[in-house]
Protein backbone atom coordinates (compact mmCIF):
# COMPACT_ATOMS: atom_id res chain seq x y z
CA UNK A 1 -16.60 167.09 134.34
CA UNK A 2 -14.12 164.70 132.99
CA UNK A 3 -10.90 166.24 131.87
CA UNK A 4 -8.84 164.92 129.01
CA UNK A 5 -5.85 162.87 129.97
CA UNK A 6 -3.62 165.34 128.17
CA UNK A 7 -5.05 168.21 130.23
CA UNK A 8 -4.54 166.26 133.44
CA UNK A 9 -0.98 165.54 132.48
CA UNK A 10 -0.52 169.13 131.45
CA UNK A 11 -2.07 170.33 134.73
CA UNK A 12 0.10 168.02 136.81
CA UNK A 13 3.16 169.00 134.83
CA UNK A 14 2.33 172.68 135.14
CA UNK A 15 1.68 172.36 138.88
CA UNK A 16 4.91 170.44 139.34
CA UNK A 17 6.85 172.98 137.34
CA UNK A 18 5.37 175.83 139.35
CA UNK A 19 6.16 173.98 142.57
CA UNK A 20 9.65 173.27 141.37
CA UNK A 21 10.22 176.88 140.38
CA UNK A 22 8.95 178.11 143.71
CA UNK A 23 10.93 175.62 145.75
CA UNK A 24 14.05 176.14 143.67
CA UNK A 25 13.76 179.86 144.24
CA UNK A 26 13.40 179.26 147.98
CA UNK A 27 16.31 176.81 147.94
CA UNK A 28 18.53 179.31 146.20
CA UNK A 29 17.65 181.88 148.81
CA UNK A 30 18.32 179.42 151.64
CA UNK A 31 21.61 178.29 150.23
CA UNK A 32 22.68 181.85 149.54
CA UNK A 33 21.96 182.62 153.14
CA UNK A 34 23.84 179.50 154.20
CA UNK A 35 26.73 180.47 151.94
CA UNK A 36 26.75 183.92 153.54
CA UNK A 37 26.92 182.41 157.01
CA UNK A 38 29.70 180.05 155.98
CA UNK A 39 31.63 182.97 154.47
CA UNK A 40 31.05 185.02 157.61
CA UNK A 41 32.58 182.19 159.62
CA UNK A 42 35.49 181.44 157.31
CA UNK A 43 36.34 184.98 156.14
CA UNK A 44 35.71 187.00 159.31
CA UNK A 45 34.79 185.25 162.55
CA UNK A 46 37.33 182.41 162.56
CA UNK A 47 40.30 184.60 161.44
CA UNK A 48 39.35 187.09 164.14
CA UNK A 49 39.15 184.27 166.69
CA UNK A 50 42.62 183.07 165.64
CA UNK A 51 44.06 186.57 166.06
CA UNK A 52 42.58 186.91 169.55
CA UNK A 53 43.93 183.45 170.39
CA UNK A 54 47.39 184.61 169.24
CA UNK A 55 47.08 187.69 171.48
CA UNK A 56 46.12 185.45 174.41
CA UNK A 57 49.11 183.18 173.80
CA UNK A 58 51.51 186.14 173.64
CA UNK A 59 50.11 187.64 176.83
CA UNK A 60 50.32 184.25 178.58
CA UNK A 61 53.94 184.07 177.48
CA UNK A 62 54.47 187.55 178.92
CA UNK A 63 53.07 186.31 182.22
CA UNK A 64 55.46 183.35 182.13
CA UNK A 65 58.42 185.69 181.51
CA UNK A 66 57.13 187.92 184.33
CA UNK A 67 57.05 184.99 186.74
CA UNK A 68 60.56 183.94 185.69
CA UNK A 69 61.86 187.45 186.29
CA UNK A 70 60.15 187.62 189.69
CA UNK A 71 61.60 184.24 190.62
CA UNK A 72 65.03 185.27 189.31
CA UNK A 73 64.97 188.50 191.32
CA UNK A 74 64.04 186.62 194.49
CA UNK A 75 66.79 184.02 193.94
CA UNK A 76 69.75 183.96 196.31
CA UNK A 77 72.11 184.93 193.48
CA UNK A 78 70.17 186.65 190.67
CA UNK A 79 71.57 186.06 187.19
CA UNK A 80 71.64 189.45 185.37
CA UNK A 81 71.97 187.85 181.94
CA UNK A 82 69.03 185.55 182.57
CA UNK A 83 66.90 188.45 183.86
CA UNK A 84 67.84 190.57 180.83
CA UNK A 85 66.86 187.81 178.42
CA UNK A 86 63.53 187.23 180.11
CA UNK A 87 62.83 190.98 180.22
CA UNK A 88 63.64 191.32 176.53
CA UNK A 89 61.35 188.39 175.73
CA UNK A 90 58.63 190.01 177.85
CA UNK A 91 58.93 193.22 175.78
CA UNK A 92 58.92 191.36 172.47
CA UNK A 93 55.75 189.45 173.34
CA UNK A 94 54.05 192.69 174.33
CA UNK A 95 54.97 194.42 171.07
CA UNK A 96 53.69 191.43 169.09
CA UNK A 97 50.44 191.38 171.07
CA UNK A 98 49.83 195.10 170.41
CA UNK A 99 50.55 194.63 166.72
CA UNK A 100 48.03 191.80 166.45
CA UNK A 101 45.42 193.82 168.35
CA UNK A 102 45.96 196.75 165.97
CA UNK A 103 45.64 194.35 163.05
CA UNK A 104 42.44 192.94 164.56
CA UNK A 105 40.97 196.43 164.90
CA UNK A 106 41.74 197.13 161.24
CA UNK A 107 40.15 193.79 160.41
CA UNK A 108 37.01 194.81 162.32
CA UNK A 109 36.89 198.07 160.37
CA UNK A 110 37.02 196.10 157.14
CA UNK A 111 34.22 193.85 158.42
CA UNK A 112 32.11 196.90 159.20
CA UNK A 113 32.58 198.09 155.62
CA UNK A 114 31.61 194.66 154.19
CA UNK A 115 28.09 194.90 152.74
CA UNK A 116 27.92 191.70 150.70
CA UNK A 117 27.63 189.45 153.78
CA UNK A 118 25.15 189.69 156.64
CA UNK A 119 27.45 189.99 159.67
CA UNK A 120 26.56 190.30 163.36
CA UNK A 121 27.50 193.95 163.51
CA UNK A 122 26.31 194.39 167.11
CA UNK A 123 28.77 191.78 168.38
CA UNK A 124 31.50 193.11 166.11
CA UNK A 125 30.93 196.57 167.57
CA UNK A 126 31.31 195.12 171.07
CA UNK A 127 34.54 193.46 169.98
CA UNK A 128 35.76 196.78 168.59
CA UNK A 129 35.32 198.17 172.12
CA UNK A 130 36.71 195.13 173.89
CA UNK A 131 39.98 194.79 171.94
CA UNK A 132 41.25 198.26 173.00
CA UNK A 133 40.31 197.31 176.56
CA UNK A 134 42.64 194.29 176.28
CA UNK A 135 45.36 196.49 174.83
CA UNK A 136 44.95 199.08 177.58
CA UNK A 137 45.00 196.41 180.30
CA UNK A 138 48.04 194.74 178.73
CA UNK A 139 49.96 198.01 178.44
CA UNK A 140 49.14 198.88 182.07
CA UNK A 141 50.34 195.39 183.02
CA UNK A 142 53.51 196.07 181.01
CA UNK A 143 54.12 199.41 182.75
CA UNK A 144 53.52 197.90 186.18
CA UNK A 145 56.02 195.15 185.37
CA UNK A 146 58.60 197.81 184.48
CA UNK A 147 57.84 199.60 187.76
CA UNK A 148 58.32 196.33 189.62
CA UNK A 149 61.76 195.87 188.02
CA UNK A 150 62.73 199.42 189.05
CA UNK A 151 61.49 198.88 192.59
CA UNK A 152 63.34 195.56 192.74
CA UNK A 153 66.59 197.38 191.96
CA UNK A 154 66.13 200.69 193.75
CA UNK A 155 63.13 200.48 196.09
CA UNK A 156 62.52 199.16 199.55
CA UNK A 157 61.05 195.73 200.32
CA UNK A 158 57.76 197.39 201.26
CA UNK A 159 57.52 199.35 197.98
CA UNK A 160 58.53 196.30 196.05
CA UNK A 161 55.74 194.26 197.66
CA UNK A 162 53.20 197.00 196.93
CA UNK A 163 54.18 197.10 193.27
CA UNK A 164 54.20 193.30 193.16
CA UNK A 165 50.61 193.23 194.43
CA UNK A 166 49.64 195.82 191.83
CA UNK A 167 51.34 193.78 189.14
CA UNK A 168 49.33 190.69 190.08
CA UNK A 169 46.13 192.74 190.02
CA UNK A 170 46.96 194.02 186.55
CA UNK A 171 47.66 190.46 185.46
CA UNK A 172 44.21 189.39 186.71
CA UNK A 173 42.66 192.35 184.91
CA UNK A 174 44.23 191.28 181.63
CA UNK A 175 42.86 187.77 182.23
CA UNK A 176 39.37 189.20 182.71
CA UNK A 177 39.48 191.30 179.55
CA UNK A 178 40.78 188.41 177.45
CA UNK A 179 38.09 186.14 178.90
CA UNK A 180 35.35 188.62 177.92
CA UNK A 181 36.65 188.80 174.36
CA UNK A 182 37.00 185.04 173.98
CA UNK A 183 33.48 184.57 175.36
CA UNK A 184 32.11 187.08 172.82
CA UNK A 185 33.89 185.38 169.93
CA UNK A 186 32.87 181.88 171.06
CA UNK A 187 29.20 182.90 171.25
CA UNK A 188 29.47 184.61 167.86
CA UNK A 189 30.90 181.55 166.10
CA UNK A 190 28.57 179.11 167.91
CA UNK A 191 25.49 181.14 167.05
CA UNK A 192 26.55 181.47 163.41
CA UNK A 193 27.30 177.74 163.14
CA UNK A 194 23.93 176.92 164.74
CA UNK A 195 22.16 179.26 162.33
CA UNK A 196 23.94 177.69 159.36
CA UNK A 197 22.96 174.23 160.56
CA UNK A 198 19.35 175.30 160.98
CA UNK A 199 19.40 176.82 157.51
CA UNK A 200 20.71 173.57 156.09
CA UNK A 201 18.00 171.65 157.97
CA UNK A 202 15.33 173.92 156.52
CA UNK A 203 16.68 173.42 153.02
CA UNK A 204 16.73 169.64 153.54
CA UNK A 205 13.14 169.64 154.80
CA UNK A 206 12.01 171.68 151.83
CA UNK A 207 13.62 169.25 149.45
CA UNK A 208 11.83 166.32 151.10
CA UNK A 209 8.51 168.11 150.69
CA UNK A 210 9.25 168.50 147.01
CA UNK A 211 9.97 164.78 146.82
CA UNK A 212 6.65 163.88 148.45
CA UNK A 213 4.57 166.14 146.25
CA UNK A 214 6.38 164.97 143.14
CA UNK A 215 5.68 161.33 144.10
CA UNK A 216 1.92 162.04 144.28
CA UNK A 217 1.92 163.79 140.91
CA UNK A 218 3.89 161.10 139.14
CA UNK A 219 6.72 158.65 139.52
CA UNK A 220 8.65 160.19 136.66
CA UNK A 221 8.61 163.66 138.17
CA UNK A 222 9.25 162.26 141.66
CA UNK A 223 12.32 160.43 140.40
CA UNK A 224 13.58 163.55 138.69
CA UNK A 225 13.08 165.71 141.79
CA UNK A 226 14.68 163.12 144.05
CA UNK A 227 17.73 162.75 141.84
CA UNK A 228 18.19 166.49 141.33
CA UNK A 229 17.78 167.68 144.91
CA UNK A 230 17.30 165.07 147.62
CA UNK A 231 20.02 162.78 146.33
CA UNK A 232 22.51 165.64 146.41
CA UNK A 233 21.63 166.43 150.01
CA UNK A 234 21.90 162.77 150.96
CA UNK A 235 25.29 162.53 149.34
CA UNK A 236 26.50 165.59 151.23
CA UNK A 237 25.13 164.37 154.55
CA UNK A 238 26.56 160.90 153.94
CA UNK A 239 29.92 162.33 152.97
CA UNK A 240 29.99 164.53 156.06
CA UNK A 241 29.21 161.56 158.30
CA UNK A 242 31.86 159.45 156.57
CA UNK A 243 34.50 162.13 157.14
CA UNK A 244 33.38 162.47 160.75
CA UNK A 245 33.91 158.72 161.13
CA UNK A 246 37.45 159.06 159.75
CA UNK A 247 36.88 157.96 156.13
CA UNK A 248 38.87 160.41 153.99
CA UNK A 249 38.39 158.38 150.81
CA UNK A 250 34.82 159.61 150.30
CA UNK A 251 33.98 161.66 147.18
CA UNK A 252 30.60 163.22 146.39
CA UNK A 253 29.40 163.36 142.78
CA UNK A 254 26.65 165.91 142.02
CA UNK A 255 25.44 166.41 138.47
CA UNK A 256 23.48 169.62 139.03
CA UNK A 257 24.82 173.13 138.50
CA UNK A 258 23.49 174.96 141.53
CA UNK A 259 24.72 175.79 145.00
CA UNK A 260 24.55 172.10 145.89
CA UNK A 261 27.17 171.41 143.26
CA UNK A 262 29.30 174.25 144.61
CA UNK A 263 28.94 172.91 148.13
CA UNK A 264 29.75 169.37 146.95
CA UNK A 265 32.80 170.63 145.03
CA UNK A 266 33.98 172.55 148.10
CA UNK A 267 33.39 169.45 150.19
CA UNK A 268 35.44 167.32 147.79
CA UNK A 269 38.26 169.88 147.80
CA UNK A 270 38.15 169.96 151.60
CA UNK A 271 38.37 166.16 151.81
CA UNK A 272 41.19 166.17 149.27
CA UNK A 273 43.06 168.71 151.39
CA UNK A 274 42.47 166.66 154.54
CA UNK A 275 43.65 163.53 152.74
CA UNK A 276 46.80 165.30 151.56
CA UNK A 277 47.50 166.69 155.04
CA UNK A 278 47.07 163.24 156.56
CA UNK A 279 49.46 161.77 154.01
CA UNK A 280 52.00 164.52 154.71
CA UNK A 281 51.63 164.00 158.46
CA UNK A 282 52.17 160.26 158.17
CA UNK A 283 55.12 160.68 155.81
CA UNK A 284 56.64 163.50 157.90
CA UNK A 285 56.44 161.28 160.97
CA UNK A 286 58.78 158.79 159.29
CA UNK A 287 61.51 161.41 158.88
CA UNK A 288 61.33 163.60 161.98
CA UNK A 289 61.14 162.39 165.56
CA UNK A 290 57.75 163.43 167.01
CA UNK A 291 59.54 164.78 170.10
CA UNK A 292 61.39 167.31 167.96
CA UNK A 293 58.13 168.48 166.39
CA UNK A 294 56.45 168.76 169.77
CA UNK A 295 59.37 170.69 171.23
CA UNK A 296 59.30 173.10 168.29
CA UNK A 297 55.57 173.68 168.75
CA UNK A 298 56.00 174.16 172.50
CA UNK A 299 58.78 176.72 171.85
CA UNK A 300 61.24 174.58 173.80
CA UNK A 301 63.44 174.56 170.69
CA UNK A 302 64.22 177.81 168.91
CA UNK A 303 63.33 177.52 165.23
CA UNK A 304 66.21 179.70 164.01
CA UNK A 305 68.84 179.67 166.76
CA UNK A 306 71.46 177.21 167.94
CA UNK A 307 72.80 176.60 171.41
CA UNK A 308 75.64 174.81 173.15
CA UNK A 309 74.76 171.69 175.12
CA UNK A 310 76.65 168.77 176.61
CA UNK A 311 75.24 165.74 174.81
CA UNK A 312 76.12 162.17 173.84
CA UNK A 313 76.52 161.35 170.15
CA UNK A 314 76.36 157.84 168.66
CA UNK A 315 77.52 156.43 165.33
CA UNK A 316 77.17 152.85 164.11
CA UNK A 317 78.22 151.18 160.88
CA UNK A 318 77.83 147.71 159.39
CA UNK A 319 81.12 145.93 158.83
CA UNK A 320 81.79 145.20 155.16
CA UNK A 321 78.37 146.35 153.98
CA UNK A 322 79.67 147.67 150.65
CA UNK A 323 81.17 144.28 149.86
CA UNK A 324 78.02 142.61 151.15
CA UNK A 325 75.84 144.65 148.75
CA UNK A 326 77.73 143.28 145.76
CA UNK A 327 76.15 139.88 146.46
CA UNK A 328 72.63 141.23 147.06
CA UNK A 329 69.94 142.34 144.66
CA UNK A 330 68.72 145.95 145.08
CA UNK A 331 65.44 144.72 146.57
CA UNK A 332 67.23 142.45 149.01
CA UNK A 333 69.61 145.25 150.03
CA UNK A 334 66.68 147.59 150.69
CA UNK A 335 64.79 144.95 152.71
CA UNK A 336 67.94 144.20 154.66
CA UNK A 337 68.60 147.85 155.51
CA UNK A 338 64.98 148.61 156.36
CA UNK A 339 64.84 145.66 158.78
CA UNK A 340 68.20 146.62 160.28
CA UNK A 341 67.32 150.32 160.66
CA UNK A 342 63.91 149.48 162.15
CA UNK A 343 65.58 147.35 164.81
CA UNK A 344 68.27 149.94 165.62
CA UNK A 345 65.83 152.86 165.68
CA UNK A 346 63.44 151.02 167.96
CA UNK A 347 66.22 150.40 170.47
CA UNK A 348 67.52 153.99 170.29
CA UNK A 349 64.08 155.52 170.74
CA UNK A 350 63.33 153.02 173.50
CA UNK A 351 66.32 154.53 175.34
CA UNK A 352 65.02 158.10 174.73
CA UNK A 353 67.50 158.77 171.93
CA UNK A 354 66.92 160.85 168.80
CA UNK A 355 67.77 159.19 165.49
CA UNK A 356 69.44 162.03 163.62
CA UNK A 357 69.96 160.46 160.21
CA UNK A 358 70.81 157.35 158.22
CA UNK A 359 73.96 157.64 156.12
CA UNK A 360 74.20 154.63 153.83
CA UNK A 361 74.35 151.76 156.30
CA UNK A 362 75.33 154.06 159.20
CA UNK A 363 73.11 155.38 161.97
CA UNK A 364 73.69 158.68 163.77
CA UNK A 365 71.81 159.40 166.99
CA UNK A 366 72.16 161.65 170.01
CA UNK A 367 70.97 162.04 173.60
CA UNK A 368 70.68 165.23 175.62
CA UNK A 369 68.46 168.11 176.74
CA UNK A 370 65.61 168.76 176.29
CA UNK A 371 64.79 165.17 175.37
CA UNK A 372 66.70 163.49 178.22
CA UNK A 373 67.97 164.43 181.64
CA UNK A 374 71.13 166.51 181.53
CA UNK A 375 72.95 163.96 183.71
CA UNK A 376 71.73 160.70 182.19
CA UNK A 377 72.37 161.00 178.46
CA UNK A 378 75.71 159.14 178.49
CA UNK A 379 74.19 156.21 180.41
CA UNK A 380 71.27 156.04 177.96
CA UNK A 381 73.64 156.08 174.98
CA UNK A 382 75.71 153.21 176.41
CA UNK A 383 72.60 151.20 177.27
CA UNK A 384 71.27 151.70 173.75
CA UNK A 385 74.56 150.47 172.27
CA UNK A 386 74.53 147.34 174.42
CA UNK A 387 70.86 146.73 173.61
CA UNK A 388 71.58 147.02 169.89
CA UNK A 389 74.49 144.62 170.17
CA UNK A 390 72.24 142.15 171.98
CA UNK A 391 69.62 142.48 169.23
CA UNK A 392 72.13 141.55 166.53
CA UNK A 393 71.83 137.82 167.32
CA UNK A 394 68.08 137.93 166.67
CA UNK A 395 68.68 140.00 163.53
CA UNK A 396 71.18 137.49 162.16
CA UNK A 397 68.73 134.70 162.96
CA UNK A 398 66.07 136.46 160.84
CA UNK A 399 68.25 136.64 157.70
CA UNK A 400 67.15 133.25 156.27
CA UNK A 401 63.54 134.38 156.37
CA UNK A 402 64.46 137.81 154.98
CA UNK A 403 66.48 136.49 152.01
CA UNK A 404 64.64 133.20 151.51
CA UNK A 405 67.85 131.13 151.70
CA UNK A 406 69.63 129.25 154.49
CA UNK A 407 73.18 129.15 153.14
CA UNK A 408 75.63 131.75 151.93
CA UNK A 409 74.22 134.42 154.25
CA UNK A 410 76.39 137.47 155.03
CA UNK A 411 78.21 137.70 158.35
CA UNK A 412 76.58 140.82 159.77
CA UNK A 413 78.67 142.67 162.35
CA UNK A 414 78.23 146.22 163.61
CA UNK A 415 80.71 148.76 164.97
CA UNK A 416 79.70 151.62 167.27
CA UNK A 417 81.31 154.81 168.51
CA UNK A 418 80.03 157.00 171.35
CA UNK A 419 81.34 160.40 172.47
CA UNK A 420 80.05 162.87 175.05
CA UNK A 421 80.85 166.54 175.18
CA UNK A 422 79.79 169.99 174.12
CA UNK A 423 78.00 170.27 170.78
CA UNK A 424 76.10 172.92 168.87
CA UNK A 425 72.47 171.88 168.48
CA UNK A 426 69.73 173.54 166.45
CA UNK A 427 67.76 173.65 163.22
CA UNK A 428 70.36 173.69 160.48
CA UNK A 429 69.72 173.96 156.74
CA UNK A 430 68.27 176.24 154.11
CA UNK A 431 65.09 178.28 154.21
CA UNK A 432 63.23 175.45 152.47
CA UNK A 433 64.79 172.41 154.12
CA UNK A 434 66.10 172.15 157.67
CA UNK A 435 67.03 169.42 160.07
CA UNK A 436 67.36 169.45 163.83
CA UNK A 437 70.88 168.10 164.37
CA UNK A 438 74.14 168.41 166.30
CA UNK A 439 77.53 169.53 165.04
CA UNK A 440 81.00 169.99 166.55
CA UNK A 441 84.14 168.15 167.65
CA UNK A 442 82.15 165.66 169.73
CA UNK A 443 80.21 164.56 166.65
CA UNK A 444 83.45 164.15 164.71
CA UNK A 445 84.99 162.20 167.60
CA UNK A 446 82.04 159.77 167.79
CA UNK A 447 82.36 159.11 164.06
CA UNK A 448 86.13 158.54 164.34
CA UNK A 449 85.66 156.19 167.29
CA UNK A 450 83.25 154.10 165.24
CA UNK A 451 85.88 153.91 162.49
CA UNK A 452 88.66 153.13 165.02
CA UNK A 453 86.95 149.82 165.79
CA UNK A 454 88.36 148.61 162.47
CA UNK A 455 92.02 148.58 163.52
CA UNK A 456 91.43 147.65 167.19
CA UNK A 457 89.06 144.80 166.34
CA UNK A 458 86.51 146.08 168.86
CA UNK A 459 82.75 146.57 168.60
CA UNK A 460 81.93 149.54 170.85
CA UNK A 461 84.39 152.34 171.57
CA UNK A 462 83.53 155.27 173.84
CA UNK A 463 85.32 158.48 174.67
CA UNK A 464 86.73 159.38 178.06
CA UNK A 465 83.92 161.94 178.47
CA UNK A 466 81.31 159.24 177.96
CA UNK A 467 83.05 156.89 180.41
CA UNK A 468 83.10 159.55 183.13
CA UNK A 469 79.49 160.63 182.62
CA UNK A 470 78.17 157.06 182.34
CA UNK A 471 79.53 156.13 185.76
CA UNK A 472 80.63 152.84 187.25
CA UNK A 473 77.60 150.77 186.23
CA UNK A 474 79.33 149.85 182.97
CA UNK A 475 82.32 147.56 182.43
CA UNK A 476 84.95 149.27 180.27
CA UNK A 477 88.63 148.91 179.58
CA UNK A 478 90.97 151.57 178.34
CA UNK A 479 92.16 150.62 174.86
CA UNK A 480 94.59 153.37 173.88
CA UNK A 481 95.42 157.07 173.71
CA UNK A 482 94.37 158.12 170.23
CA UNK A 483 94.72 161.26 168.16
CA UNK A 484 91.89 161.16 165.61
CA UNK A 485 91.73 163.10 162.36
CA UNK A 486 90.54 166.64 162.89
CA UNK A 487 91.78 166.93 166.52
CA UNK A 488 95.15 168.01 167.84
CA UNK A 489 94.71 166.75 171.39
CA UNK A 490 94.78 162.98 172.00
CA UNK A 491 91.82 161.29 173.66
CA UNK A 492 91.68 158.19 175.81
CA UNK A 493 89.58 155.52 174.15
CA UNK A 494 87.63 152.87 176.05
CA UNK A 495 85.91 149.67 174.99
CA UNK A 496 82.39 149.21 176.34
CA UNK A 497 82.18 145.58 177.43
CA UNK A 498 78.77 145.41 179.12
CA UNK A 499 77.26 145.99 182.55
CA UNK A 500 79.75 145.87 185.41
CA UNK A 501 77.70 143.42 187.46
CA UNK A 502 77.46 140.98 184.53
CA UNK A 503 81.18 140.77 183.66
CA UNK A 504 82.71 137.35 184.28
CA UNK A 505 85.75 136.86 186.49
CA UNK A 506 87.85 135.74 183.50
CA UNK A 507 86.94 138.92 181.65
CA UNK A 508 87.84 141.02 184.68
CA UNK A 509 91.27 139.39 184.87
CA UNK A 510 91.77 139.91 181.13
CA UNK A 511 90.91 143.62 181.48
CA UNK A 512 93.34 143.96 184.39
CA UNK A 513 96.11 142.30 182.37
CA UNK A 514 95.43 144.44 179.31
CA UNK A 515 95.45 147.72 181.24
CA UNK A 516 98.67 146.65 183.00
CA UNK A 517 100.18 145.99 179.58
CA UNK A 518 98.98 149.37 178.34
CA UNK A 519 100.70 151.11 181.29
CA UNK A 520 104.00 149.32 180.54
CA UNK A 521 103.57 150.06 176.84
CA UNK A 522 103.31 153.80 177.57
CA UNK A 523 106.40 153.53 179.78
CA UNK A 524 108.23 151.91 176.81
CA UNK A 525 108.84 148.77 178.87
CA UNK A 526 108.31 146.48 175.89
CA UNK A 527 109.15 143.22 177.65
CA UNK A 528 106.69 143.76 180.50
CA UNK A 529 104.06 145.09 178.07
CA UNK A 530 104.39 142.01 175.88
CA UNK A 531 104.05 139.70 178.87
CA UNK A 532 100.90 141.47 180.07
CA UNK A 533 99.25 141.46 176.64
CA UNK A 534 100.05 137.76 176.22
CA UNK A 535 98.53 137.13 179.65
CA UNK A 536 95.40 138.92 178.44
CA UNK A 537 95.31 136.70 175.35
CA UNK A 538 95.68 133.62 177.53
CA UNK A 539 92.65 134.65 179.61
CA UNK A 540 90.66 135.89 176.61
CA UNK A 541 91.77 133.98 173.50
CA UNK A 542 91.18 135.91 170.29
CA UNK A 543 91.29 139.32 172.01
CA UNK A 544 92.00 141.58 169.03
CA UNK A 545 93.20 144.68 170.92
CA UNK A 546 95.89 142.59 172.63
CA UNK A 547 97.04 141.26 169.25
CA UNK A 548 97.16 144.82 167.88
CA UNK A 549 99.23 146.03 170.83
CA UNK A 550 101.62 143.06 170.55
CA UNK A 551 102.22 143.96 166.92
CA UNK A 552 103.00 147.54 167.98
CA UNK A 553 105.38 146.36 170.70
CA UNK A 554 107.25 144.32 168.13
CA UNK A 555 107.40 147.28 165.75
CA UNK A 556 108.66 149.64 168.47
CA UNK A 557 111.37 147.21 169.43
CA UNK A 558 112.71 147.48 165.92
CA UNK A 559 112.09 151.21 165.56
CA UNK A 560 111.65 152.92 168.96
CA UNK A 561 109.34 155.94 169.13
CA UNK A 562 110.71 159.48 169.06
CA UNK A 563 111.87 161.15 172.24
CA UNK A 564 109.03 162.52 174.32
CA UNK A 565 106.53 159.97 173.00
CA UNK A 566 103.62 159.61 175.42
CA UNK A 567 101.97 156.48 174.10
CA UNK A 568 99.68 158.33 171.69
CA UNK A 569 98.66 156.55 168.51
CA UNK A 570 97.78 158.74 165.51
CA UNK A 571 94.75 157.45 163.61
CA UNK A 572 94.31 157.97 159.89
CA UNK A 573 91.23 159.59 158.34
CA UNK A 574 89.46 156.24 158.13
């Protein structure tokens, strides 16, 4: 029997609608289940895994402190202060670990009371039994460690060895218990993720079936079904693959108002968050040396404490930059400084230095533990200064390209000051903004030495501490005894000339003549001092320090220094 076209259309439409209603109902169920699994992962399993990971880290840190204490006790000359600090740190890590375990147990109790999400309550029950086992093992490990310390102080070698063996057994037991818990959690999250993926696959398959049936019933309905369901899934899958490939600019647009839209919106928010984090990471990397960040994460740098270290501090400044800026446009000044700072920073970091900050046209940097060897920081600072000075020729040669002109270019000269000594180093600042930096007299001295180049006509001045620590590989000459602003005691100031094996014979003779003149100058033998300084000028024409000292000799002849003068020159604030 032939059916009217209207009835056929009505039948097809009705069948399609019924199919759509049924499949939509199944899809809602699938996606609700998928949403429940995702929530189980994000709200319960992953936070619990993070807490257990924190417990593991704390216990591993306890084991490190234990090994340090054992090594310190067995040392030839045990350091009581060091042992006390390590023991205190051991206790603190244990308390923190117990607190997190207690928090995890409360978290498991909350999970057990959660009825809105289908959780793996069997595994959670096993975890509720396993976490106290970790705590018990850790506390027994803690008690055995205390017993070991007592035996180390009061017991016999035999009793100490017995307790030591017991301590190592307890350590292994803690390892076993932690391993069991981590294995349980790993299986729980993997199984849940696999189930969620399978659920998503089932939903995708169902949507494709709808597309096929709709195509047979009519192109109009097929198009509608494809656009409403399959297209959304394709967009999500495509977006996921794009993010996996590293494309964080992807954005999924879904016009429906179902769980697919919610999932797409969550996906877009996730990508936006990833994009923002990537931007912050890239921007943060321009302001903070990655080695500082790594040291903070590795707990090699205390986040809220300072410490005293012997380090080398460096300051540099462009000569006449303020006057130079008056002839430059703002854009040109910024390009100039960015090129200059890029060059200087590359050299400093190439010599293992930390660029602390840029102050106008000045650069502050430092070398020292934990970023460099405790004995080599002064050498690295001097090498960096010489490398920067060598780079200045190439920098000046690049100015025509930078400014787009060949004539009327500024005469770019740089002055540097280096000082080595004890500083306070740490994270300094407010609760919202901190910087890892160094402070102290050594920092002030390095800054004053950079400024002292102005009236000596030198390029690189170093302190006596830097000269001694740097060793004999560098060619230096003593310039003067100087009392800088902010210090009562005078310091001997040296000019860094280059590498000792590269200094010419004429320069060596000039240095010898200058230092001879400086000795006669301090002895107030003005005639001999003048002769020596003039000899230096003859061997090194244009030597500015010699000219400065000759002017002083002339002034002292007219107005001799006060009684008891020891050849110290008092520098102004600038």
